[in-house]
Amino acid sequence: MQVKIDSSWQQHLAKEFEKPYFTELAVFVKREYKNETIYPLPKNIFRAFDLCPFGKVKVVILGQDPYHGARQANGLAFAVDEGTAIPPSLQNVFKEITNDLGKPLVHAGGDLSRWARQGVLLLNATLTVRAQNAGSHQGHGWELLTDAAVKTLSEEREHLVFMLWGNYAKAKGAHIDRSKHLVLEAPHPSPFSAASGFFGCNHFSKANDYLVAQGKTPIEWL
């Protein structure tokens, strides 16, 4: 699999691309795209990295899998393309943003590329999935690559905000250096858990307050 990814990430993840697990992952993913319906489109597999170069990352939001329904996954965690019905978890994210910031949404669609271009890395742990089969590409190597991405951000950058929603994300972010980054944890925004602590977590204002305190431009979440 030829890796088409932003040059800054290509540099920071170069050692991963040379490891045996990535070679095996590439063979698996190629075969899956040839024989099955796989999301997202191949050009969007590394979109989270492409829209948010390594040196521009301010905030990291960790997801688990791409959406497995038609016309949903677009390479950014939690996001969908403009004009696509907004999934329940993203609806709850928007609800928390408006409650937290006390203002209505300016952008009501699910395209979160505006966040990515401001420095929000919307990273799923697994970057591909088989249609209508959640978790189908877990355990094939993607998690090793995305773990490496989180690790190198933690080690080589300073004063980033990591938003960890749900137990899966919390486990993935367990080794982030909290002495030099802000780590915000809450239940997942899924309808099954949002009311147990995601609502009212105020992560978006907390993130912006921290960024401003570090002399950085806050994120325009709305």
N, C-alpha and C. Protein backbone atom coordinates (compact mmCIF):
# COMPACT_ATOMS: atom_id res chain seq x y z
N MET A 1 0.85 -1.19 0.00
CA MET A 1 0.00 0.00 0.00
C MET A 1 0.88 1.24 0.00
N GLN A 2 0.80 2.02 -1.04
CA GLN A 2 1.56 3.26 -1.09
C GLN A 2 0.96 4.24 -0.10
N VAL A 3 1.77 4.73 0.81
CA VAL A 3 1.28 5.62 1.86
C VAL A 3 1.29 7.06 1.35
N LYS A 4 0.11 7.61 1.17
CA LYS A 4 -0.03 9.01 0.80
C LYS A 4 -0.51 9.77 2.03
N ILE A 5 0.40 10.48 2.64
CA ILE A 5 0.12 11.10 3.92
C ILE A 5 0.95 12.38 4.01
N ASP A 6 0.45 13.36 4.75
CA ASP A 6 1.17 14.62 4.90
C ASP A 6 2.63 14.37 5.23
N SER A 7 3.52 15.15 4.63
CA SER A 7 4.95 14.90 4.73
C SER A 7 5.46 14.96 6.17
N SER A 8 4.86 15.82 7.00
CA SER A 8 5.31 15.90 8.38
C SER A 8 5.01 14.61 9.14
N TRP A 9 3.84 14.05 8.89
CA TRP A 9 3.49 12.77 9.52
C TRP A 9 4.28 11.63 8.90
N GLN A 10 4.54 11.72 7.61
CA GLN A 10 5.36 10.70 6.94
C GLN A 10 6.71 10.60 7.65
N GLN A 11 7.26 11.74 8.00
CA GLN A 11 8.55 11.77 8.68
C GLN A 11 8.46 11.18 10.08
N HIS A 12 7.44 11.57 10.83
CA HIS A 12 7.34 11.14 12.22
C HIS A 12 6.90 9.69 12.38
N LEU A 13 6.26 9.14 11.36
CA LEU A 13 5.80 7.75 11.43
C LEU A 13 6.59 6.83 10.51
N ALA A 14 7.68 7.33 9.94
CA ALA A 14 8.44 6.57 8.94
C ALA A 14 8.87 5.20 9.46
N LYS A 15 9.29 5.13 10.72
CA LYS A 15 9.73 3.85 11.27
C LYS A 15 8.59 2.84 11.34
N GLU A 16 7.37 3.35 11.60
CA GLU A 16 6.21 2.46 11.65
C GLU A 16 5.93 1.84 10.29
N PHE A 17 6.06 2.64 9.25
CA PHE A 17 5.76 2.17 7.90
C PHE A 17 6.74 1.09 7.44
N GLU A 18 7.87 1.01 8.12
CA GLU A 18 8.88 0.01 7.75
C GLU A 18 8.76 -1.28 8.55
N LYS A 19 7.89 -1.30 9.53
CA LYS A 19 7.77 -2.48 10.40
C LYS A 19 6.92 -3.57 9.76
N PRO A 20 7.18 -4.83 10.12
CA PRO A 20 6.43 -5.94 9.53
C PRO A 20 4.92 -5.82 9.70
N TYR A 21 4.44 -5.31 10.83
CA TYR A 21 2.99 -5.24 11.03
C TYR A 21 2.33 -4.35 10.00
N PHE A 22 3.04 -3.28 9.59
CA PHE A 22 2.43 -2.37 8.61
C PHE A 22 2.40 -3.02 7.23
N THR A 23 3.43 -3.79 6.91
CA THR A 23 3.41 -4.53 5.65
C THR A 23 2.23 -5.49 5.60
N GLU A 24 2.01 -6.20 6.71
CA GLU A 24 0.88 -7.13 6.79
C GLU A 24 -0.45 -6.38 6.74
N LEU A 25 -0.52 -5.23 7.41
CA LEU A 25 -1.72 -4.41 7.39
C LEU A 25 -2.04 -3.95 5.97
N ALA A 26 -1.01 -3.53 5.25
CA ALA A 26 -1.22 -3.05 3.89
C ALA A 26 -1.79 -4.15 3.00
N VAL A 27 -1.27 -5.36 3.13
CA VAL A 27 -1.78 -6.50 2.35
C VAL A 27 -3.24 -6.75 2.69
N PHE A 28 -3.56 -6.74 3.98
CA PHE A 28 -4.93 -6.97 4.43
C PHE A 28 -5.87 -5.90 3.88
N VAL A 29 -5.49 -4.64 4.00
CA VAL A 29 -6.37 -3.55 3.58
C VAL A 29 -6.57 -3.56 2.07
N LYS A 30 -5.53 -3.81 1.32
CA LYS A 30 -5.66 -3.91 -0.14
C LYS A 30 -6.65 -5.00 -0.53
N ARG A 31 -6.52 -6.15 0.11
CA ARG A 31 -7.41 -7.27 -0.19
C ARG A 31 -8.85 -6.94 0.17
N GLU A 32 -9.04 -6.27 1.29
CA GLU A 32 -10.37 -5.90 1.72
C GLU A 32 -11.03 -4.93 0.74
N TYR A 33 -10.30 -3.94 0.30
CA TYR A 33 -10.86 -2.98 -0.66
C TYR A 33 -11.19 -3.66 -2.00
N LYS A 34 -10.43 -4.67 -2.34
CA LYS A 34 -10.66 -5.37 -3.60
C LYS A 34 -11.90 -6.27 -3.52
N ASN A 35 -12.12 -6.88 -2.36
CA ASN A 35 -13.15 -7.92 -2.26
C ASN A 35 -14.41 -7.52 -1.50
N GLU A 36 -14.37 -6.42 -0.76
CA GLU A 36 -15.49 -6.03 0.10
C GLU A 36 -15.79 -4.53 -0.09
N THR A 37 -16.87 -4.09 0.49
CA THR A 37 -17.15 -2.65 0.56
C THR A 37 -16.53 -2.13 1.85
N ILE A 38 -15.58 -1.22 1.70
CA ILE A 38 -14.79 -0.72 2.82
C ILE A 38 -14.93 0.79 2.89
N TYR A 39 -15.01 1.29 4.12
CA TYR A 39 -15.06 2.73 4.35
C TYR A 39 -13.86 3.14 5.19
N PRO A 40 -13.38 4.41 5.00
CA PRO A 40 -13.81 5.40 4.02
C PRO A 40 -13.24 5.10 2.65
N LEU A 41 -13.44 6.00 1.70
CA LEU A 41 -12.78 5.86 0.40
C LEU A 41 -11.27 5.83 0.61
N PRO A 42 -10.55 5.08 -0.22
CA PRO A 42 -9.09 4.97 -0.02
C PRO A 42 -8.38 6.32 0.11
N LYS A 43 -8.82 7.31 -0.66
CA LYS A 43 -8.16 8.62 -0.62
C LYS A 43 -8.30 9.31 0.74
N ASN A 44 -9.26 8.84 1.55
CA ASN A 44 -9.52 9.48 2.83
C ASN A 44 -8.98 8.71 4.04
N ILE A 45 -8.27 7.62 3.80
CA ILE A 45 -7.79 6.81 4.92
C ILE A 45 -6.95 7.65 5.88
N PHE A 46 -6.05 8.47 5.34
CA PHE A 46 -5.15 9.27 6.17
C PHE A 46 -5.56 10.74 6.21
N ARG A 47 -6.84 11.00 5.98
CA ARG A 47 -7.30 12.40 5.89
C ARG A 47 -7.08 13.17 7.19
N ALA A 48 -7.25 12.52 8.32
CA ALA A 48 -7.03 13.22 9.60
C ALA A 48 -5.61 13.78 9.67
N PHE A 49 -4.64 13.01 9.21
CA PHE A 49 -3.25 13.46 9.20
C PHE A 49 -3.03 14.54 8.14
N ASP A 50 -3.65 14.37 6.99
CA ASP A 50 -3.43 15.30 5.89
C ASP A 50 -3.96 16.70 6.20
N LEU A 51 -5.10 16.77 6.87
CA LEU A 51 -5.69 18.08 7.17
C LEU A 51 -5.06 18.73 8.40
N CYS A 52 -4.32 17.97 9.18
CA CYS A 52 -3.77 18.49 10.43
C CYS A 52 -2.31 18.05 10.56
N PRO A 53 -1.39 18.74 9.92
CA PRO A 53 0.03 18.37 9.98
C PRO A 53 0.56 18.33 11.41
N PHE A 54 1.61 17.57 11.60
CA PHE A 54 2.15 17.30 12.93
C PHE A 54 2.39 18.57 13.74
N GLY A 55 3.04 19.55 13.13
CA GLY A 55 3.41 20.76 13.85
C GLY A 55 2.26 21.70 14.13
N LYS A 56 1.10 21.45 13.52
CA LYS A 56 -0.05 22.33 13.70
C LYS A 56 -1.09 21.77 14.67
N VAL A 57 -0.86 20.56 15.16
CA VAL A 57 -1.83 19.95 16.08
C VAL A 57 -1.91 20.76 17.37
N LYS A 58 -3.13 21.08 17.79
CA LYS A 58 -3.38 21.73 19.07
C LYS A 58 -4.22 20.84 19.99
N VAL A 59 -5.19 20.16 19.38
CA VAL A 59 -6.13 19.33 20.12
C VAL A 59 -6.22 17.96 19.44
N VAL A 60 -6.29 16.91 20.22
CA VAL A 60 -6.47 15.56 19.68
C VAL A 60 -7.76 14.98 20.25
N ILE A 61 -8.67 14.57 19.37
CA ILE A 61 -9.88 13.88 19.77
C ILE A 61 -9.80 12.47 19.22
N LEU A 62 -9.86 11.49 20.11
CA LEU A 62 -9.68 10.10 19.70
C LEU A 62 -11.03 9.39 19.54
N GLY A 63 -11.23 8.79 18.38
CA GLY A 63 -12.37 7.93 18.14
C GLY A 63 -11.92 6.49 18.07
N GLN A 64 -12.85 5.60 17.75
CA GLN A 64 -12.52 4.18 17.72
C GLN A 64 -12.49 3.63 16.30
N ASP A 65 -13.65 3.59 15.64
CA ASP A 65 -13.78 3.06 14.28
C ASP A 65 -14.38 4.11 13.37
N PRO A 66 -14.12 4.04 12.07
CA PRO A 66 -14.90 4.84 11.14
C PRO A 66 -16.37 4.38 11.17
N TYR A 67 -17.27 5.27 10.78
CA TYR A 67 -18.67 4.86 10.62
C TYR A 67 -18.73 3.76 9.56
N HIS A 68 -19.62 2.78 9.76
CA HIS A 68 -19.68 1.66 8.82
C HIS A 68 -20.92 1.69 7.93
N GLY A 69 -21.66 2.80 7.98
CA GLY A 69 -22.81 2.95 7.09
C GLY A 69 -22.44 3.69 5.82
N ALA A 70 -23.25 3.54 4.79
CA ALA A 70 -22.97 4.17 3.50
C ALA A 70 -22.93 5.69 3.62
N ARG A 71 -21.96 6.29 2.94
CA ARG A 71 -21.83 7.74 2.82
C ARG A 71 -21.66 8.43 4.18
N GLN A 72 -21.02 7.76 5.12
CA GLN A 72 -20.78 8.38 6.42
C GLN A 72 -19.30 8.65 6.68
N ALA A 73 -18.48 7.63 6.72
CA ALA A 73 -17.06 7.80 7.05
C ALA A 73 -16.36 8.68 6.03
N ASN A 74 -15.58 9.64 6.53
CA ASN A 74 -14.84 10.52 5.61
C ASN A 74 -13.39 10.72 6.04
N GLY A 75 -12.92 9.89 6.96
CA GLY A 75 -11.52 9.96 7.38
C GLY A 75 -11.28 10.79 8.62
N LEU A 76 -12.31 11.45 9.14
CA LEU A 76 -12.18 12.23 10.37
C LEU A 76 -13.08 11.63 11.44
N ALA A 77 -12.55 11.38 12.61
CA ALA A 77 -13.33 10.79 13.69
C ALA A 77 -14.54 11.67 14.00
N PHE A 78 -15.69 11.04 14.16
CA PHE A 78 -16.97 11.65 14.51
C PHE A 78 -17.62 12.44 13.38
N ALA A 79 -16.89 12.75 12.33
CA ALA A 79 -17.40 13.63 11.27
C ALA A 79 -18.10 12.86 10.17
N VAL A 80 -18.98 13.56 9.46
CA VAL A 80 -19.58 13.07 8.22
C VAL A 80 -19.55 14.22 7.22
N ASP A 81 -19.73 13.89 5.96
CA ASP A 81 -19.72 14.93 4.93
C ASP A 81 -20.96 15.82 5.04
N GLU A 82 -20.81 17.03 4.56
CA GLU A 82 -21.93 17.96 4.54
C GLU A 82 -23.09 17.35 3.76
N GLY A 83 -24.30 17.50 4.28
CA GLY A 83 -25.47 16.94 3.63
C GLY A 83 -25.84 15.56 4.11
N THR A 84 -24.93 14.91 4.87
CA THR A 84 -25.21 13.60 5.46
C THR A 84 -25.86 13.78 6.82
N ALA A 85 -26.84 12.93 7.13
CA ALA A 85 -27.50 13.02 8.43
C ALA A 85 -26.47 12.91 9.55
N ILE A 86 -26.60 13.75 10.56
CA ILE A 86 -25.63 13.79 11.64
C ILE A 86 -25.87 12.64 12.60
N PRO A 87 -24.86 11.79 12.82
CA PRO A 87 -25.02 10.64 13.72
C PRO A 87 -25.29 11.09 15.16
N PRO A 88 -25.91 10.22 15.95
CA PRO A 88 -26.29 10.59 17.32
C PRO A 88 -25.14 11.09 18.18
N SER A 89 -23.97 10.45 18.09
CA SER A 89 -22.84 10.89 18.92
C SER A 89 -22.42 12.31 18.57
N LEU A 90 -22.38 12.63 17.29
CA LEU A 90 -22.00 13.97 16.88
C LEU A 90 -23.08 14.98 17.27
N GLN A 91 -24.34 14.57 17.20
CA GLN A 91 -25.40 15.44 17.68
C GLN A 91 -25.15 15.82 19.15
N ASN A 92 -24.74 14.84 19.93
CA ASN A 92 -24.48 15.11 21.34
C ASN A 92 -23.23 15.98 21.55
N VAL A 93 -22.24 15.80 20.69
CA VAL A 93 -21.06 16.68 20.74
C VAL A 93 -21.49 18.12 20.49
N PHE A 94 -22.30 18.33 19.46
CA PHE A 94 -22.77 19.68 19.15
C PHE A 94 -23.61 20.26 20.30
N LYS A 95 -24.43 19.40 20.91
CA LYS A 95 -25.25 19.86 22.03
C LYS A 95 -24.36 20.33 23.18
N GLU A 96 -23.31 19.58 23.48
CA GLU A 96 -22.41 19.96 24.55
C GLU A 96 -21.66 21.24 24.21
N ILE A 97 -21.27 21.40 22.96
CA ILE A 97 -20.56 22.62 22.56
C ILE A 97 -21.44 23.85 22.79
N THR A 98 -22.69 23.78 22.35
CA THR A 98 -23.57 24.94 22.50
C THR A 98 -23.86 25.23 23.96
N ASN A 99 -24.03 24.19 24.77
CA ASN A 99 -24.26 24.40 26.20
C ASN A 99 -23.01 24.94 26.90
N ASP A 100 -21.87 24.40 26.51
CA ASP A 100 -20.60 24.79 27.12
C ASP A 100 -20.26 26.24 26.79
N LEU A 101 -20.38 26.60 25.52
CA LEU A 101 -19.96 27.93 25.07
C LEU A 101 -21.07 28.96 25.14
N GLY A 102 -22.31 28.49 25.35
CA GLY A 102 -23.42 29.41 25.50
C GLY A 102 -23.82 30.14 24.25
N LYS A 103 -23.53 29.53 23.11
CA LYS A 103 -23.87 30.15 21.82
C LYS A 103 -24.39 29.08 20.87
N PRO A 104 -25.22 29.47 19.90
CA PRO A 104 -25.71 28.49 18.93
C PRO A 104 -24.63 28.16 17.90
N LEU A 105 -24.78 27.01 17.27
CA LEU A 105 -23.85 26.61 16.21
C LEU A 105 -23.94 27.55 15.02
N VAL A 106 -22.80 27.92 14.49
CA VAL A 106 -22.74 28.65 13.22
C VAL A 106 -22.80 27.67 12.06
N HIS A 107 -22.10 26.53 12.23
CA HIS A 107 -22.06 25.47 11.22
C HIS A 107 -22.84 24.27 11.77
N ALA A 108 -23.98 23.99 11.19
CA ALA A 108 -24.83 22.93 11.70
C ALA A 108 -24.57 21.57 11.05
N GLY A 109 -23.74 21.53 10.00
CA GLY A 109 -23.46 20.28 9.31
C GLY A 109 -22.39 19.46 10.01
N GLY A 110 -22.24 18.22 9.58
CA GLY A 110 -21.32 17.30 10.24
C GLY A 110 -19.90 17.30 9.70
N ASP A 111 -19.60 18.18 8.73
CA ASP A 111 -18.25 18.25 8.18
C ASP A 111 -17.34 18.99 9.16
N LEU A 112 -16.45 18.28 9.79
CA LEU A 112 -15.58 18.87 10.82
C LEU A 112 -14.20 19.24 10.28
N SER A 113 -14.07 19.32 8.96
CA SER A 113 -12.77 19.70 8.40
C SER A 113 -12.36 21.09 8.86
N ARG A 114 -13.35 21.94 9.21
CA ARG A 114 -13.03 23.28 9.72
C ARG A 114 -12.26 23.17 11.04
N TRP A 115 -12.57 22.16 11.85
CA TRP A 115 -11.81 21.94 13.08
C TRP A 115 -10.40 21.44 12.75
N ALA A 116 -10.34 20.49 11.84
CA ALA A 116 -9.04 19.89 11.49
C ALA A 116 -8.07 20.95 10.98
N ARG A 117 -8.56 21.87 10.19
CA ARG A 117 -7.68 22.90 9.62
C ARG A 117 -7.22 23.91 10.67
N GLN A 118 -7.90 23.92 11.81
CA GLN A 118 -7.48 24.79 12.92
C GLN A 118 -6.51 24.09 13.87
N GLY A 119 -6.29 22.79 13.65
CA GLY A 119 -5.35 22.08 14.51
C GLY A 119 -5.97 21.01 15.38
N VAL A 120 -7.18 20.55 15.02
CA VAL A 120 -7.81 19.46 15.78
C VAL A 120 -7.61 18.16 15.02
N LEU A 121 -6.83 17.25 15.60
CA LEU A 121 -6.59 15.95 14.99
C LEU A 121 -7.72 15.01 15.38
N LEU A 122 -8.58 14.70 14.43
CA LEU A 122 -9.75 13.84 14.67
C LEU A 122 -9.38 12.42 14.26
N LEU A 123 -8.77 11.70 15.19
CA LEU A 123 -8.09 10.44 14.87
C LEU A 123 -8.84 9.24 15.39
N ASN A 124 -9.26 8.38 14.49
CA ASN A 124 -9.80 7.08 14.87
C ASN A 124 -8.65 6.11 15.15
N ALA A 125 -8.86 5.20 16.08
CA ALA A 125 -7.84 4.20 16.38
C ALA A 125 -7.65 3.25 15.21
N THR A 126 -8.75 2.92 14.54
CA THR A 126 -8.73 2.05 13.36
C THR A 126 -9.18 2.90 12.18
N LEU A 127 -8.45 2.87 11.09
CA LEU A 127 -8.69 3.83 10.01
C LEU A 127 -9.55 3.31 8.88
N THR A 128 -9.92 2.03 8.91
CA THR A 128 -10.81 1.47 7.90
C THR A 128 -11.79 0.50 8.57
N VAL A 129 -12.88 0.20 7.86
CA VAL A 129 -13.88 -0.72 8.40
C VAL A 129 -14.68 -1.32 7.25
N ARG A 130 -15.14 -2.55 7.44
CA ARG A 130 -16.00 -3.18 6.44
C ARG A 130 -17.43 -2.68 6.61
N ALA A 131 -18.12 -2.46 5.51
CA ALA A 131 -19.49 -1.95 5.55
C ALA A 131 -20.38 -2.80 6.45
N GLN A 132 -21.14 -2.12 7.29
CA GLN A 132 -22.13 -2.76 8.17
C GLN A 132 -21.51 -3.78 9.13
N ASN A 133 -20.23 -3.60 9.45
CA ASN A 133 -19.55 -4.56 10.32
C ASN A 133 -18.59 -3.82 11.24
N ALA A 134 -19.15 -3.23 12.27
CA ALA A 134 -18.35 -2.43 13.20
C ALA A 134 -17.22 -3.24 13.81
N GLY A 135 -16.05 -2.63 13.88
CA GLY A 135 -14.89 -3.28 14.49
C GLY A 135 -14.22 -4.32 13.62
N SER A 136 -14.64 -4.44 12.38
CA SER A 136 -14.15 -5.52 11.53
C SER A 136 -12.67 -5.40 11.16
N HIS A 137 -12.10 -4.21 11.26
CA HIS A 137 -10.68 -4.05 10.94
C HIS A 137 -9.83 -3.80 12.17
N GLN A 138 -10.42 -4.04 13.34
CA GLN A 138 -9.63 -3.95 14.56
C GLN A 138 -8.69 -5.15 14.66
N GLY A 139 -7.56 -4.94 15.29
CA GLY A 139 -6.62 -6.04 15.52
C GLY A 139 -5.77 -6.42 14.34
N HIS A 140 -5.74 -5.59 13.30
CA HIS A 140 -4.93 -5.89 12.11
C HIS A 140 -3.73 -4.96 11.99
N GLY A 141 -3.55 -4.05 12.94
CA GLY A 141 -2.36 -3.20 12.92
C GLY A 141 -2.62 -1.71 12.97
N TRP A 142 -3.82 -1.30 12.63
CA TRP A 142 -4.09 0.15 12.66
C TRP A 142 -3.84 0.73 14.04
N GLU A 143 -4.22 -0.01 15.08
CA GLU A 143 -4.06 0.52 16.44
C GLU A 143 -2.60 0.77 16.78
N LEU A 144 -1.70 -0.05 16.25
CA LEU A 144 -0.27 0.17 16.49
C LEU A 144 0.19 1.47 15.86
N LEU A 145 -0.30 1.74 14.65
CA LEU A 145 0.08 2.97 13.97
C LEU A 145 -0.47 4.20 14.69
N THR A 146 -1.73 4.15 15.07
CA THR A 146 -2.32 5.32 15.73
C THR A 146 -1.79 5.48 17.16
N ASP A 147 -1.44 4.39 17.82
CA ASP A 147 -0.75 4.50 19.11
C ASP A 147 0.58 5.24 18.93
N ALA A 148 1.29 4.92 17.86
CA ALA A 148 2.56 5.58 17.60
C ALA A 148 2.36 7.07 17.34
N ALA A 149 1.27 7.42 16.67
CA ALA A 149 0.97 8.83 16.41
C ALA A 149 0.74 9.57 17.72
N VAL A 150 -0.05 8.98 18.61
CA VAL A 150 -0.32 9.60 19.90
C VAL A 150 0.96 9.71 20.72
N LYS A 151 1.76 8.68 20.68
CA LYS A 151 3.01 8.65 21.45
C LYS A 151 3.98 9.74 20.99
N THR A 152 4.13 9.88 19.67
CA THR A 152 5.08 10.88 19.19
C THR A 152 4.59 12.29 19.44
N LEU A 153 3.28 12.49 19.41
CA LEU A 153 2.74 13.80 19.79
C LEU A 153 3.03 14.10 21.25
N SER A 154 2.79 13.11 22.10
CA SER A 154 3.03 13.29 23.53
C SER A 154 4.49 13.60 23.81
N GLU A 155 5.38 12.91 23.11
CA GLU A 155 6.80 13.04 23.40
C GLU A 155 7.44 14.27 22.75
N GLU A 156 7.02 14.61 21.55
CA GLU A 156 7.74 15.62 20.78
C GLU A 156 7.06 16.98 20.73
N ARG A 157 5.82 17.05 21.19
CA ARG A 157 5.12 18.34 21.25
C ARG A 157 4.87 18.71 22.71
N GLU A 158 4.47 19.95 22.94
CA GLU A 158 4.14 20.41 24.29
C GLU A 158 2.80 21.14 24.26
N HIS A 159 2.11 21.12 25.40
CA HIS A 159 0.90 21.91 25.60
C HIS A 159 -0.20 21.61 24.59
N LEU A 160 -0.43 20.32 24.35
CA LEU A 160 -1.55 19.90 23.53
C LEU A 160 -2.72 19.53 24.45
N VAL A 161 -3.92 19.52 23.87
CA VAL A 161 -5.10 19.08 24.59
C VAL A 161 -5.54 17.74 24.01
N PHE A 162 -5.69 16.74 24.85
CA PHE A 162 -6.18 15.43 24.43
C PHE A 162 -7.56 15.22 25.04
N MET A 163 -8.57 15.02 24.18
CA MET A 163 -9.92 14.73 24.64
C MET A 163 -10.17 13.24 24.50
N LEU A 164 -10.36 12.57 25.64
CA LEU A 164 -10.55 11.12 25.67
C LEU A 164 -11.97 10.83 26.12
N TRP A 165 -12.79 10.39 25.19
CA TRP A 165 -14.21 10.15 25.46
C TRP A 165 -14.49 8.66 25.45
N GLY A 166 -14.84 8.11 26.59
CA GLY A 166 -15.14 6.70 26.69
C GLY A 166 -13.93 5.89 27.10
N ASN A 167 -14.17 4.66 27.55
CA ASN A 167 -13.11 3.83 28.08
C ASN A 167 -12.06 3.47 27.05
N TYR A 168 -12.49 3.27 25.81
CA TYR A 168 -11.53 2.90 24.77
C TYR A 168 -10.51 4.02 24.57
N ALA A 169 -11.00 5.25 24.44
CA ALA A 169 -10.10 6.38 24.23
C ALA A 169 -9.22 6.61 25.46
N LYS A 170 -9.79 6.44 26.64
CA LYS A 170 -9.02 6.63 27.87
C LYS A 170 -7.86 5.64 27.93
N ALA A 171 -8.12 4.40 27.53
CA ALA A 171 -7.05 3.39 27.53
C ALA A 171 -5.98 3.73 26.50
N LYS A 172 -6.42 4.22 25.36
CA LYS A 172 -5.46 4.57 24.29
C LYS A 172 -4.59 5.75 24.69
N GLY A 173 -5.14 6.62 25.52
CA GLY A 173 -4.38 7.79 25.95
C GLY A 173 -3.73 7.65 27.31
N ALA A 174 -3.66 6.44 27.81
CA ALA A 174 -3.17 6.22 29.18
C ALA A 174 -1.72 6.67 29.37
N HIS A 175 -0.92 6.65 28.30
CA HIS A 175 0.51 6.93 28.45
C HIS A 175 0.88 8.34 28.01
N ILE A 176 -0.11 9.20 27.79
CA ILE A 176 0.18 10.59 27.45
C ILE A 176 0.84 11.27 28.65
N ASP A 177 1.86 12.05 28.38
CA ASP A 177 2.59 12.75 29.44
C ASP A 177 1.74 13.92 29.95
N ARG A 178 1.13 13.72 31.09
CA ARG A 178 0.21 14.73 31.63
C ARG A 178 0.94 15.88 32.32
N SER A 179 2.24 15.78 32.41
CA SER A 179 3.01 16.88 32.98
C SER A 179 3.20 18.02 31.98
N LYS A 180 2.99 17.74 30.70
CA LYS A 180 3.17 18.79 29.70
C LYS A 180 2.01 18.91 28.72
N HIS A 181 0.93 18.15 28.95
CA HIS A 181 -0.27 18.24 28.12
C HIS A 181 -1.50 18.25 29.01
N LEU A 182 -2.59 18.79 28.49
CA LEU A 182 -3.87 18.75 29.19
C LEU A 182 -4.66 17.56 28.68
N VAL A 183 -5.01 16.65 29.57
CA VAL A 183 -5.79 15.46 29.21
C VAL A 183 -7.17 15.60 29.83
N LEU A 184 -8.19 15.63 28.99
CA LEU A 184 -9.58 15.77 29.43
C LEU A 184 -10.30 14.46 29.18
N GLU A 185 -10.94 13.91 30.20
CA GLU A 185 -11.62 12.63 30.08
C GLU A 185 -13.10 12.78 30.39
N ALA A 186 -13.92 12.02 29.68
CA ALA A 186 -15.37 12.02 29.90
C ALA A 186 -15.94 10.74 29.31
N PRO A 187 -17.18 10.39 29.67
CA PRO A 187 -17.84 9.28 28.98
C PRO A 187 -17.99 9.58 27.49
N HIS A 188 -18.24 8.55 26.73
CA HIS A 188 -18.43 8.71 25.28
C HIS A 188 -19.72 9.49 25.01
N PRO A 189 -19.75 10.30 23.93
CA PRO A 189 -20.97 11.05 23.61
C PRO A 189 -22.10 10.23 23.01
N SER A 190 -21.95 8.95 22.95
CA SER A 190 -23.02 8.08 22.48
C SER A 190 -24.29 8.31 23.31
N PRO A 191 -25.47 8.14 22.69
CA PRO A 191 -26.72 8.26 23.46
C PRO A 191 -26.79 7.33 24.66
N PHE A 192 -26.00 6.25 24.64
CA PHE A 192 -26.02 5.31 25.76
C PHE A 192 -25.25 5.81 26.98
N SER A 193 -24.37 6.81 26.78
CA SER A 193 -23.51 7.22 27.90
C SER A 193 -23.38 8.73 28.06
N ALA A 194 -23.87 9.52 27.11
CA ALA A 194 -23.65 10.96 27.16
C ALA A 194 -24.18 11.59 28.45
N ALA A 195 -25.32 11.10 28.92
CA ALA A 195 -25.96 11.69 30.10
C ALA A 195 -25.23 11.35 31.39
N SER A 196 -24.28 10.42 31.32
CA SER A 196 -23.57 10.01 32.53
C SER A 196 -22.28 10.78 32.76
N GLY A 197 -22.14 11.92 32.07
CA GLY A 197 -20.96 12.73 32.33
C GLY A 197 -20.37 13.43 31.13
N PHE A 198 -20.76 13.03 29.91
CA PHE A 198 -20.27 13.79 28.76
C PHE A 198 -20.94 15.16 28.75
N PHE A 199 -22.26 15.15 28.90
CA PHE A 199 -22.95 16.43 29.01
C PHE A 199 -22.49 17.13 30.29
N GLY A 200 -22.03 18.34 30.15
CA GLY A 200 -21.53 19.10 31.29
C GLY A 200 -20.04 18.96 31.53
N CYS A 201 -19.33 18.24 30.66
CA CYS A 201 -17.88 18.08 30.84
C CYS A 201 -17.12 19.37 30.51
N ASN A 202 -17.72 20.22 29.69
CA ASN A 202 -17.12 21.52 29.35
C ASN A 202 -15.73 21.41 28.73
N HIS A 203 -15.52 20.35 27.98
CA HIS A 203 -14.19 20.16 27.40
C HIS A 203 -13.80 21.25 26.42
N PHE A 204 -14.76 21.81 25.75
CA PHE A 204 -14.44 22.74 24.67
C PHE A 204 -13.99 24.10 25.20
N SER A 205 -14.63 24.56 26.25
CA SER A 205 -14.17 25.80 26.88
C SER A 205 -12.86 25.56 27.64
N LYS A 206 -12.73 24.39 28.27
CA LYS A 206 -11.49 24.07 28.99
C LYS A 206 -10.31 24.02 28.02
N ALA A 207 -10.54 23.42 26.85
CA ALA A 207 -9.48 23.34 25.84
C ALA A 207 -9.06 24.74 25.41
N ASN A 208 -10.03 25.58 25.11
CA ASN A 208 -9.70 26.93 24.65
C ASN A 208 -9.02 27.75 25.73
N ASP A 209 -9.48 27.62 26.97
CA ASP A 209 -8.83 28.34 28.07
C ASP A 209 -7.37 27.94 28.18
N TYR A 210 -7.11 26.64 28.04
CA TYR A 210 -5.74 26.14 28.13
C TYR A 210 -4.89 26.65 26.96
N LEU A 211 -5.44 26.60 25.75
CA LEU A 211 -4.70 27.07 24.58
C LEU A 211 -4.35 28.55 24.72
N VAL A 212 -5.31 29.34 25.15
CA VAL A 212 -5.06 30.77 25.32
C VAL A 212 -3.98 31.01 26.38
N ALA A 213 -4.04 30.23 27.45
CA ALA A 213 -3.03 30.37 28.52
C ALA A 213 -1.63 30.03 28.02
N GLN A 214 -1.56 29.20 26.96
CA GLN A 214 -0.27 28.83 26.38
C GLN A 214 0.12 29.74 25.22
N GLY A 215 -0.65 30.81 25.02
CA GLY A 215 -0.35 31.75 23.95
C GLY A 215 -0.77 31.29 22.57
N LYS A 216 -1.71 30.34 22.53
CA LYS A 216 -2.18 29.81 21.25
C LYS A 216 -3.56 30.34 20.92
N THR A 217 -3.89 30.33 19.65
CA THR A 217 -5.22 30.75 19.21
C THR A 217 -6.24 29.68 19.57
N PRO A 218 -7.35 30.05 20.19
CA PRO A 218 -8.37 29.05 20.53
C PRO A 218 -9.05 28.48 19.30
N ILE A 219 -9.71 27.37 19.46
CA ILE A 219 -10.42 26.72 18.37
C ILE A 219 -11.83 27.34 18.24
N GLU A 220 -12.25 27.61 17.03
CA GLU A 220 -13.61 28.07 16.78
C GLU A 220 -14.48 26.83 16.62
N TRP A 221 -15.01 26.35 17.73
CA TRP A 221 -15.80 25.11 17.73
C TRP A 221 -17.16 25.27 17.07
N LEU A 222 -17.73 26.44 17.13
CA LEU A 222 -19.09 26.66 16.64
C LEU A 222 -19.14 26.71 15.13
